[in-house]
Amino acid sequence: MAGRELMWFKSSHSDADTEHSTCVEVALDTRITAVRDSKAPAAGHLAVPHPAWNALLSSLR
């Protein structure tokens, strides 16, 4: 990830009202899924290995 700009996106189910929405943004890299607060992108992000991210999503479904 060092030296590369991540391409951030959020779910199409996110509220269009970005001032009042509570969303996270996600970016995919070769080995990790990065997650950050959409209201505070400069605060940094959490890097999660793809298998752990997939397990989290599976448990939420």
PDB file of N, CA and C in Angstrom:
ATOM      1  N   MET A   1       0.803  -1.192   0.000  1.00  0.00           N
ATOM      2  CA  MET A   1       0.000   0.000   0.000  1.00  0.00           C
ATOM      3  C   MET A   1       0.849   1.262   0.000  1.00  0.00           C
ATOM      4  N   ALA A   2       2.024   1.191   0.535  1.00  0.00           N
ATOM      5  CA  ALA A   2       2.859   2.382   0.614  1.00  0.00           C
ATOM      6  C   ALA A   2       3.126   2.925  -0.782  1.00  0.00           C
ATOM      7  N   GLY A   3       2.927   4.241  -0.933  1.00  0.00           N
ATOM      8  CA  GLY A   3       3.202   4.866  -2.212  1.00  0.00           C
ATOM      9  C   GLY A   3       2.073   4.781  -3.223  1.00  0.00           C
ATOM     10  N   ARG A   4       1.031   4.041  -2.908  1.00  0.00           N
ATOM     11  CA  ARG A   4      -0.102   3.916  -3.831  1.00  0.00           C
ATOM     12  C   ARG A   4      -1.327   4.583  -3.235  1.00  0.00           C
ATOM     13  N   GLU A   5      -2.077   5.244  -4.075  1.00  0.00           N
ATOM     14  CA  GLU A   5      -3.327   5.864  -3.642  1.00  0.00           C
ATOM     15  C   GLU A   5      -4.436   4.815  -3.696  1.00  0.00           C
ATOM     16  N   LEU A   6      -5.171   4.678  -2.613  1.00  0.00           N
ATOM     17  CA  LEU A   6      -6.290   3.738  -2.583  1.00  0.00           C
ATOM     18  C   LEU A   6      -7.512   4.372  -3.230  1.00  0.00           C
ATOM     19  N   MET A   7      -8.322   3.569  -3.876  1.00  0.00           N
ATOM     20  CA  MET A   7      -9.571   4.029  -4.489  1.00  0.00           C
ATOM     21  C   MET A   7     -10.704   3.668  -3.533  1.00  0.00           C
ATOM     22  N   TRP A   8     -11.261   4.664  -2.872  1.00  0.00           N
ATOM     23  CA  TRP A   8     -12.280   4.463  -1.845  1.00  0.00           C
ATOM     24  C   TRP A   8     -13.670   4.466  -2.447  1.00  0.00           C
ATOM     25  N   PHE A   9     -14.556   3.625  -1.882  1.00  0.00           N
ATOM     26  CA  PHE A   9     -15.959   3.613  -2.295  1.00  0.00           C
ATOM     27  C   PHE A   9     -16.820   3.266  -1.098  1.00  0.00           C
ATOM     28  N   LYS A  10     -18.106   3.572  -1.212  1.00  0.00           N
ATOM     29  CA  LYS A  10     -19.042   3.159  -0.169  1.00  0.00           C
ATOM     30  C   LYS A  10     -20.249   2.526  -0.828  1.00  0.00           C
ATOM     31  N   SER A  11     -21.001   1.815  -0.062  1.00  0.00           N
ATOM     32  CA  SER A  11     -22.138   1.053  -0.557  1.00  0.00           C
ATOM     33  C   SER A  11     -23.155   1.943  -1.251  1.00  0.00           C
ATOM     34  N   SER A  12     -23.795   1.394  -2.254  1.00  0.00           N
ATOM     35  CA  SER A  12     -24.892   2.113  -2.915  1.00  0.00           C
ATOM     36  C   SER A  12     -26.085   2.250  -1.975  1.00  0.00           C
ATOM     37  N   HIS A  13     -26.088   1.508  -0.874  1.00  0.00           N
ATOM     38  CA  HIS A  13     -27.156   1.597   0.123  1.00  0.00           C
ATOM     39  C   HIS A  13     -26.910   2.733   1.116  1.00  0.00           C
ATOM     40  N   SER A  14     -25.771   3.405   0.996  1.00  0.00           N
ATOM     41  CA  SER A  14     -25.454   4.509   1.904  1.00  0.00           C
ATOM     42  C   SER A  14     -26.395   5.676   1.657  1.00  0.00           C
ATOM     43  N   ASP A  15     -26.649   6.405   2.706  1.00  0.00           N
ATOM     44  CA  ASP A  15     -27.503   7.585   2.630  1.00  0.00           C
ATOM     45  C   ASP A  15     -26.823   8.657   1.785  1.00  0.00           C
ATOM     46  N   ALA A  16     -27.563   9.284   0.904  1.00  0.00           N
ATOM     47  CA  ALA A  16     -27.013  10.346   0.063  1.00  0.00           C
ATOM     48  C   ALA A  16     -26.688  11.599   0.873  1.00  0.00           C
ATOM     49  N   ASP A  17     -27.280  11.748   2.032  1.00  0.00           N
ATOM     50  CA  ASP A  17     -27.033  12.897   2.903  1.00  0.00           C
ATOM     51  C   ASP A  17     -25.736  12.651   3.669  1.00  0.00           C
ATOM     52  N   THR A  18     -24.611  13.019   3.080  1.00  0.00           N
ATOM     53  CA  THR A  18     -23.313  12.706   3.678  1.00  0.00           C
ATOM     54  C   THR A  18     -23.071  13.422   4.996  1.00  0.00           C
ATOM     55  N   GLU A  19     -23.760  14.534   5.241  1.00  0.00           N
ATOM     56  CA  GLU A  19     -23.567  15.256   6.500  1.00  0.00           C
ATOM     57  C   GLU A  19     -24.121  14.476   7.689  1.00  0.00           C
ATOM     58  N   HIS A  20     -25.198  13.723   7.484  1.00  0.00           N
ATOM     59  CA  HIS A  20     -25.850  13.015   8.583  1.00  0.00           C
ATOM     60  C   HIS A  20     -25.737  11.492   8.488  1.00  0.00           C
ATOM     61  N   SER A  21     -25.114  10.995   7.456  1.00  0.00           N
ATOM     62  CA  SER A  21     -25.017   9.546   7.295  1.00  0.00           C
ATOM     63  C   SER A  21     -23.915   8.975   8.182  1.00  0.00           C
ATOM     64  N   THR A  22     -24.044   7.711   8.497  1.00  0.00           N
ATOM     65  CA  THR A  22     -23.021   7.006   9.273  1.00  0.00           C
ATOM     66  C   THR A  22     -22.507   5.870   8.407  1.00  0.00           C
ATOM     67  N   CYS A  23     -21.514   6.165   7.613  1.00  0.00           N
ATOM     68  CA  CYS A  23     -21.010   5.203   6.637  1.00  0.00           C
ATOM     69  C   CYS A  23     -19.518   4.963   6.824  1.00  0.00           C
ATOM     70  N   VAL A  24     -19.104   3.852   6.310  1.00  0.00           N
ATOM     71  CA  VAL A  24     -17.680   3.598   6.172  1.00  0.00           C
ATOM     72  C   VAL A  24     -17.377   3.524   4.687  1.00  0.00           C
ATOM     73  N   GLU A  25     -16.139   3.785   4.354  1.00  0.00           N
ATOM     74  CA  GLU A  25     -15.668   3.636   2.988  1.00  0.00           C
ATOM     75  C   GLU A  25     -14.685   2.473   2.972  1.00  0.00           C
ATOM     76  N   VAL A  26     -14.607   1.814   1.842  1.00  0.00           N
ATOM     77  CA  VAL A  26     -13.768   0.628   1.695  1.00  0.00           C
ATOM     78  C   VAL A  26     -12.875   0.804   0.471  1.00  0.00           C
ATOM     79  N   ALA A  27     -11.656   0.330   0.573  1.00  0.00           N
ATOM     80  CA  ALA A  27     -10.731   0.309  -0.559  1.00  0.00           C
ATOM     81  C   ALA A  27     -10.065  -1.062  -0.585  1.00  0.00           C
ATOM     82  N   LEU A  28      -9.893  -1.596  -1.774  1.00  0.00           N
ATOM     83  CA  LEU A  28      -9.273  -2.915  -1.928  1.00  0.00           C
ATOM     84  C   LEU A  28      -7.849  -2.771  -2.432  1.00  0.00           C
ATOM     85  N   ASP A  29      -6.955  -3.512  -1.825  1.00  0.00           N
ATOM     86  CA  ASP A  29      -5.567  -3.584  -2.246  1.00  0.00           C
ATOM     87  C   ASP A  29      -5.293  -5.052  -2.574  1.00  0.00           C
ATOM     88  N   THR A  30      -4.087  -5.378  -2.948  1.00  0.00           N
ATOM     89  CA  THR A  30      -3.796  -6.759  -3.331  1.00  0.00           C
ATOM     90  C   THR A  30      -3.960  -7.746  -2.184  1.00  0.00           C
ATOM     91  N   ARG A  31      -3.661  -7.314  -0.948  1.00  0.00           N
ATOM     92  CA  ARG A  31      -3.740  -8.241   0.184  1.00  0.00           C
ATOM     93  C   ARG A  31      -4.694  -7.829   1.290  1.00  0.00           C
ATOM     94  N   ILE A  32      -5.147  -6.596   1.279  1.00  0.00           N
ATOM     95  CA  ILE A  32      -5.986  -6.118   2.382  1.00  0.00           C
ATOM     96  C   ILE A  32      -7.232  -5.401   1.869  1.00  0.00           C
ATOM     97  N   THR A  33      -8.200  -5.309   2.761  1.00  0.00           N
ATOM     98  CA  THR A  33      -9.352  -4.436   2.581  1.00  0.00           C
ATOM     99  C   THR A  33      -9.171  -3.318   3.597  1.00  0.00           C
ATOM    100  N   ALA A  34      -9.139  -2.087   3.128  1.00  0.00           N
ATOM    101  CA  ALA A  34      -8.980  -0.936   4.015  1.00  0.00           C
ATOM    102  C   ALA A  34     -10.359  -0.354   4.301  1.00  0.00           C
ATOM    103  N   VAL A  35     -10.594   0.029   5.550  1.00  0.00           N
ATOM    104  CA  VAL A  35     -11.887   0.563   5.976  1.00  0.00           C
ATOM    105  C   VAL A  35     -11.635   1.864   6.731  1.00  0.00           C
ATOM    106  N   ARG A  36     -12.425   2.897   6.417  1.00  0.00           N
ATOM    107  CA  ARG A  36     -12.291   4.171   7.123  1.00  0.00           C
ATOM    108  C   ARG A  36     -13.656   4.817   7.321  1.00  0.00           C
ATOM    109  N   ASP A  37     -13.716   5.753   8.233  1.00  0.00           N
ATOM    110  CA  ASP A  37     -14.921   6.528   8.508  1.00  0.00           C
ATOM    111  C   ASP A  37     -15.096   7.545   7.385  1.00  0.00           C
ATOM    112  N   SER A  38     -16.261   7.547   6.747  1.00  0.00           N
ATOM    113  CA  SER A  38     -16.476   8.466   5.629  1.00  0.00           C
ATOM    114  C   SER A  38     -16.508   9.927   6.068  1.00  0.00           C
ATOM    115  N   LYS A  39     -16.805  10.175   7.338  1.00  0.00           N
ATOM    116  CA  LYS A  39     -16.835  11.553   7.832  1.00  0.00           C
ATOM    117  C   LYS A  39     -15.453  12.057   8.251  1.00  0.00           C
ATOM    118  N   ALA A  40     -14.514  11.157   8.459  1.00  0.00           N
ATOM    119  CA  ALA A  40     -13.172  11.549   8.915  1.00  0.00           C
ATOM    120  C   ALA A  40     -12.099  10.778   8.154  1.00  0.00           C
ATOM    121  N   PRO A  41     -12.033  10.940   6.842  1.00  0.00           N
ATOM    122  CA  PRO A  41     -11.074  10.155   6.058  1.00  0.00           C
ATOM    123  C   PRO A  41      -9.613  10.422   6.413  1.00  0.00           C
ATOM    124  N   ALA A  42      -9.312  11.606   6.913  1.00  0.00           N
ATOM    125  CA  ALA A  42      -7.927  11.925   7.276  1.00  0.00           C
ATOM    126  C   ALA A  42      -7.495  11.263   8.582  1.00  0.00           C
ATOM    127  N   ALA A  43      -8.432  10.671   9.295  1.00  0.00           N
ATOM    128  CA  ALA A  43      -8.121  10.031  10.578  1.00  0.00           C
ATOM    129  C   ALA A  43      -7.432   8.685  10.411  1.00  0.00           C
ATOM    130  N   GLY A  44      -7.282   8.219   9.196  1.00  0.00           N
ATOM    131  CA  GLY A  44      -6.622   6.942   8.957  1.00  0.00           C
ATOM    132  C   GLY A  44      -7.616   5.844   8.631  1.00  0.00           C
ATOM    133  N   HIS A  45      -7.090   4.651   8.471  1.00  0.00           N
ATOM    134  CA  HIS A  45      -7.946   3.518   8.116  1.00  0.00           C
ATOM    135  C   HIS A  45      -7.483   2.252   8.831  1.00  0.00           C
ATOM    136  N   LEU A  46      -8.348   1.282   8.828  1.00  0.00           N
ATOM    137  CA  LEU A  46      -8.074  -0.035   9.386  1.00  0.00           C
ATOM    138  C   LEU A  46      -7.778  -0.968   8.220  1.00  0.00           C
ATOM    139  N   ALA A  47      -6.661  -1.660   8.260  1.00  0.00           N
ATOM    140  CA  ALA A  47      -6.287  -2.608   7.207  1.00  0.00           C
ATOM    141  C   ALA A  47      -6.609  -4.022   7.680  1.00  0.00           C
ATOM    142  N   VAL A  48      -7.466  -4.704   6.940  1.00  0.00           N
ATOM    143  CA  VAL A  48      -7.931  -6.035   7.316  1.00  0.00           C
ATOM    144  C   VAL A  48      -7.563  -7.015   6.198  1.00  0.00           C
ATOM    145  N   PRO A  49      -6.929  -8.144   6.512  1.00  0.00           N
ATOM    146  CA  PRO A  49      -6.642  -9.134   5.471  1.00  0.00           C
ATOM    147  C   PRO A  49      -7.945  -9.594   4.802  1.00  0.00           C
ATOM    148  N   HIS A  50      -7.887  -9.845   3.499  1.00  0.00           N
ATOM    149  CA  HIS A  50      -9.089 -10.251   2.757  1.00  0.00           C
ATOM    150  C   HIS A  50      -9.849 -11.407   3.408  1.00  0.00           C
ATOM    151  N   PRO A  51      -9.188 -12.480   3.865  1.00  0.00           N
ATOM    152  CA  PRO A  51      -9.955 -13.576   4.481  1.00  0.00           C
ATOM    153  C   PRO A  51     -10.749 -13.128   5.713  1.00  0.00           C
ATOM    154  N   ALA A  52     -10.173 -12.254   6.522  1.00  0.00           N
ATOM    155  CA  ALA A  52     -10.880 -11.768   7.711  1.00  0.00           C
ATOM    156  C   ALA A  52     -12.054 -10.878   7.317  1.00  0.00           C
ATOM    157  N   TRP A  53     -11.875 -10.042   6.308  1.00  0.00           N
ATOM    158  CA  TRP A  53     -12.966  -9.177   5.823  1.00  0.00           C
ATOM    159  C   TRP A  53     -14.113 -10.033   5.282  1.00  0.00           C
ATOM    160  N   ASN A  54     -13.771 -11.041   4.495  1.00  0.00           N
ATOM    161  CA  ASN A  54     -14.801 -11.932   3.943  1.00  0.00           C
ATOM    162  C   ASN A  54     -15.540 -12.677   5.052  1.00  0.00           C
ATOM    163  N   ALA A  55     -14.825 -13.093   6.086  1.00  0.00           N
ATOM    164  CA  ALA A  55     -15.469 -13.776   7.215  1.00  0.00           C
ATOM    165  C   ALA A  55     -16.425 -12.834   7.941  1.00  0.00           C
ATOM    166  N   LEU A  56     -16.024 -11.584   8.115  1.00  0.00           N
ATOM    167  CA  LEU A  56     -16.906 -10.600   8.749  1.00  0.00           C
ATOM    168  C   LEU A  56     -18.181 -10.417   7.935  1.00  0.00           C
ATOM    169  N   LEU A  57     -18.040 -10.216   6.637  1.00  0.00           N
ATOM    170  CA  LEU A  57     -19.223 -10.026   5.789  1.00  0.00           C
ATOM    171  C   LEU A  57     -20.127 -11.254   5.805  1.00  0.00           C
ATOM    172  N   SER A  58     -19.540 -12.436   5.782  1.00  0.00           N
ATOM    173  CA  SER A  58     -20.338 -13.670   5.820  1.00  0.00           C
ATOM    174  C   SER A  58     -21.121 -13.777   7.119  1.00  0.00           C
ATOM    175  N   SER A  59     -20.502 -13.374   8.225  1.00  0.00           N
ATOM    176  CA  SER A  59     -21.194 -13.471   9.512  1.00  0.00           C
ATOM    177  C   SER A  59     -22.317 -12.441   9.631  1.00  0.00           C
ATOM    178  N   LEU A  60     -22.224 -11.343   8.907  1.00  0.00           N
ATOM    179  CA  LEU A  60     -23.258 -10.307   8.952  1.00  0.00           C
ATOM    180  C   LEU A  60     -24.456 -10.621   8.063  1.00  0.00           C
ATOM    181  N   ARG A  61     -24.255 -11.482   7.101  1.00  0.00           N
ATOM    182  CA  ARG A  61     -25.340 -11.799   6.154  1.00  0.00           C
ATOM    183  C   ARG A  61     -26.309 -12.732   6.751  1.00  0.00           C
TER     184      ARG A  61
END
